[in-house]
Amino acid sequence: MDPDRHHFKTIRTAKAFIHGSMGSDSPARVTKAVLFLALYIQQLPNSIANQQTKLSVHPEARLDSYLLLANMLLSISGDTTPTIDGLECLIILAKLYMNMGKVRESWLSIRRAINLGLLLRLHNAAGPGKDREHELWSHLWQTDRQLSLVLGLPASKDYIILLRL
C-alpha cells in the first residue's frame, strides 16, 4: 500500500500511518496525520459523539484543537519548500471546513492550495508518472470553481487571466 495515497482499507493501516507520521521531521506530514484524526472525529456518528466516550474532551472541542494545531503546523511548513504533503493538508483542511459549513474558510484553504500547486508547477503536470499531480491539480481547480460559484467570487483561473490583461 502506498501511504501517500491514503486508501486505508483497515483501521490498522490508518493507525500505522498516523503513528508513523507523528514521528516525522516534516511539519506537513505531522499536520496530515492531525487532520486525518480531525476528519475521523468529524465523521463519528452522532450517537457516539453525544455519548460519554473515552475521550477526555468532547469530540467537537478536540476537533477545534486539532484544526488550530494543523493551522499552526501549516504556517510553519509554509516557510519551507512547498510539498505535495502540504498541499494535501490544505485539501483535507478545506474538506473539514466544508463539512462544518464554513464555506469561506474552505475556499481560502483551496486558494492557498492552488498557490502552493502553482509553486509546485502542478498546472504543467502531464505525461507518464504525473498522474497524482494531475489529479491533485484537477481536484483543486474543480473545487475552486464550485466554491467560487457558491460564494459569488471569481474562480482562480479567471483571476489569473485578469492579472494578465
Protein backbone atom coordinates (compact mmCIF):
# COMPACT_ATOMS: atom_id res chain seq x y z
CA MET A 1 0.00 0.00 0.00
CA ASP A 2 1.26 3.44 -0.88
CA PRO A 3 0.82 5.51 2.31
CA ASP A 4 0.77 8.72 0.30
CA ARG A 5 -2.45 7.68 -1.43
CA HIS A 6 -4.36 7.31 1.87
CA HIS A 7 -6.54 4.44 0.76
CA PHE A 8 -6.73 2.85 4.15
CA LYS A 9 -8.51 -0.47 3.96
CA THR A 10 -8.29 -1.20 7.66
CA ILE A 11 -8.09 0.68 10.91
CA ARG A 12 -4.67 -0.89 11.39
CA THR A 13 -3.23 0.74 8.25
CA ALA A 14 -4.74 4.12 9.15
CA LYS A 15 -3.37 3.83 12.66
CA ALA A 16 0.07 2.88 11.33
CA PHE A 17 0.06 5.93 9.05
CA ILE A 18 -0.89 8.26 11.89
CA HIS A 19 1.66 6.81 14.31
CA GLY A 20 4.39 6.84 11.67
CA SER A 21 3.61 10.41 10.65
CA MET A 22 3.60 11.77 14.19
CA GLY A 23 7.29 10.94 14.48
CA SER A 24 8.15 12.61 11.19
CA ASP A 25 10.52 15.56 10.87
CA SER A 26 8.19 17.08 8.28
CA PRO A 27 5.63 19.52 9.73
CA ALA A 28 3.38 18.84 6.73
CA ARG A 29 3.45 15.09 7.38
CA VAL A 30 2.57 15.60 11.06
CA THR A 31 -0.17 18.02 10.01
CA LYS A 32 -1.63 15.45 7.66
CA ALA A 33 -1.87 12.92 10.49
CA VAL A 34 -3.52 15.50 12.76
CA LEU A 35 -6.01 16.39 10.02
CA PHE A 36 -6.85 12.73 9.46
CA LEU A 37 -7.58 12.43 13.17
CA ALA A 38 -9.78 15.51 12.92
CA LEU A 39 -11.58 14.02 9.93
CA TYR A 40 -12.16 10.77 11.80
CA ILE A 41 -13.58 12.65 14.78
CA GLN A 42 -15.77 14.74 12.50
CA GLN A 43 -17.16 11.60 10.90
CA LEU A 44 -18.16 9.99 14.20
CA PRO A 45 -21.85 9.14 14.24
CA ASN A 46 -23.89 11.49 16.43
CA SER A 47 -24.86 8.60 18.66
CA ILE A 48 -21.21 8.10 19.57
CA ALA A 49 -20.26 11.78 19.63
CA ASN A 50 -23.11 12.61 22.02
CA GLN A 51 -22.38 9.73 24.37
CA GLN A 52 -19.80 9.68 27.08
CA THR A 53 -16.70 8.38 25.32
CA LYS A 54 -13.20 7.59 26.46
CA LEU A 55 -12.07 10.95 25.11
CA SER A 56 -11.21 13.36 27.91
CA VAL A 57 -12.69 16.22 25.87
CA HIS A 58 -15.89 16.44 23.82
CA PRO A 59 -15.22 15.49 20.17
CA GLU A 60 -16.08 19.00 18.90
CA ALA A 61 -13.57 20.59 21.27
CA ARG A 62 -10.98 18.01 20.22
CA LEU A 63 -11.72 18.79 16.57
CA ASP A 64 -11.25 22.52 17.16
CA SER A 65 -7.92 21.91 18.89
CA TYR A 66 -6.74 19.70 16.01
CA LEU A 67 -7.70 22.38 13.48
CA LEU A 68 -5.83 25.01 15.48
CA LEU A 69 -2.77 22.76 15.68
CA ALA A 70 -2.98 21.96 11.96
CA ASN A 71 -3.14 25.64 11.03
CA MET A 72 -0.11 26.37 13.21
CA LEU A 73 1.84 23.49 11.68
CA LEU A 74 0.86 24.57 8.17
CA SER A 75 2.16 28.07 8.84
CA ILE A 76 5.45 26.53 10.00
CA SER A 77 5.72 24.26 6.96
CA GLY A 78 4.72 27.15 4.69
CA ASP A 79 8.05 28.78 5.46
CA THR A 80 9.93 25.87 3.90
CA THR A 81 9.95 24.34 0.45
CA PRO A 82 6.43 23.60 -0.86
CA THR A 83 5.49 19.92 -0.79
CA ILE A 84 2.70 17.68 -2.01
CA ASP A 85 2.06 16.77 1.64
CA GLY A 86 1.47 20.43 2.46
CA LEU A 87 -0.88 20.76 -0.48
CA GLU A 88 -2.82 17.66 0.57
CA CYS A 89 -3.10 19.10 4.08
CA LEU A 90 -4.79 22.18 2.67
CA ILE A 91 -7.21 19.98 0.71
CA ILE A 92 -8.10 17.99 3.83
CA LEU A 93 -8.48 21.22 5.79
CA ALA A 94 -10.84 22.55 3.11
CA LYS A 95 -12.90 19.35 3.36
CA LEU A 96 -13.12 19.68 7.14
CA TYR A 97 -14.25 23.30 6.85
CA MET A 98 -16.80 22.40 4.18
CA ASN A 99 -18.20 19.64 6.38
CA MET A 100 -18.54 22.22 9.16
CA GLY A 101 -20.44 24.58 6.87
CA LYS A 102 -17.57 27.06 6.78
CA VAL A 103 -17.56 27.64 3.04
CA ARG A 104 -15.43 30.78 3.17
CA GLU A 105 -12.68 29.06 5.17
CA SER A 106 -12.84 26.10 2.81
CA TRP A 107 -12.45 28.43 -0.18
CA LEU A 108 -9.48 30.16 1.47
CA SER A 109 -7.79 26.79 2.08
CA ILE A 110 -8.32 25.80 -1.54
CA ARG A 111 -6.89 29.13 -2.70
CA ARG A 112 -3.81 28.57 -0.55
CA ALA A 113 -3.53 25.09 -2.06
CA ILE A 114 -3.81 26.50 -5.59
CA ASN A 115 -0.99 28.94 -4.88
CA LEU A 116 1.10 26.10 -3.49
CA GLY A 117 0.20 23.99 -6.53
CA LEU A 118 1.39 26.77 -8.81
CA LEU A 119 4.71 26.86 -6.95
CA LEU A 120 4.95 23.09 -7.38
CA ARG A 121 4.10 23.54 -11.08
CA LEU A 122 1.14 21.18 -10.88
CA HIS A 123 -0.63 23.18 -13.58
CA ASN A 124 2.00 21.85 -16.01
CA ALA A 125 1.77 18.24 -14.80
CA ALA A 126 1.27 15.97 -17.77
CA GLY A 127 2.68 12.73 -19.03
CA PRO A 128 3.63 9.40 -17.53
CA GLY A 129 4.32 9.35 -13.82
CA LYS A 130 2.44 12.60 -13.26
CA ASP A 131 -0.99 11.12 -12.57
CA ARG A 132 -1.01 12.09 -8.91
CA GLU A 133 -0.01 15.69 -9.65
CA HIS A 134 -2.57 15.97 -12.44
CA GLU A 135 -5.27 14.50 -10.19
CA LEU A 136 -4.46 16.98 -7.40
CA TRP A 137 -4.47 19.97 -9.76
CA SER A 138 -7.75 18.87 -11.32
CA HIS A 139 -9.31 18.47 -7.89
CA LEU A 140 -8.12 21.93 -6.82
CA TRP A 141 -9.39 23.56 -9.99
CA GLN A 142 -12.82 21.91 -9.75
CA THR A 143 -13.21 22.62 -6.04
CA ASP A 144 -12.22 26.25 -6.52
CA ARG A 145 -14.81 26.61 -9.28
CA GLN A 146 -17.55 25.12 -7.12
CA LEU A 147 -16.75 27.15 -4.02
CA SER A 148 -16.35 30.34 -6.05
CA LEU A 149 -19.81 29.80 -7.53
CA VAL A 150 -21.32 29.27 -4.09
CA LEU A 151 -19.66 32.40 -2.71
CA GLY A 152 -20.21 34.52 -5.82
CA LEU A 153 -16.50 35.13 -6.26
CA PRO A 154 -14.31 34.78 -9.34
CA ALA A 155 -12.59 31.44 -9.74
CA SER A 156 -8.81 31.47 -9.50
CA LYS A 157 -8.26 30.80 -13.19
CA ASP A 158 -10.45 33.79 -14.03
CA TYR A 159 -8.45 35.87 -11.58
CA ILE A 160 -5.13 34.78 -13.10
CA ILE A 161 -6.42 35.66 -16.59
CA LEU A 162 -7.47 39.11 -15.34
CA LEU A 163 -3.97 39.67 -13.98
CA ARG A 164 -2.50 39.06 -17.45
CA LEU A 165 -4.63 41.79 -19.06
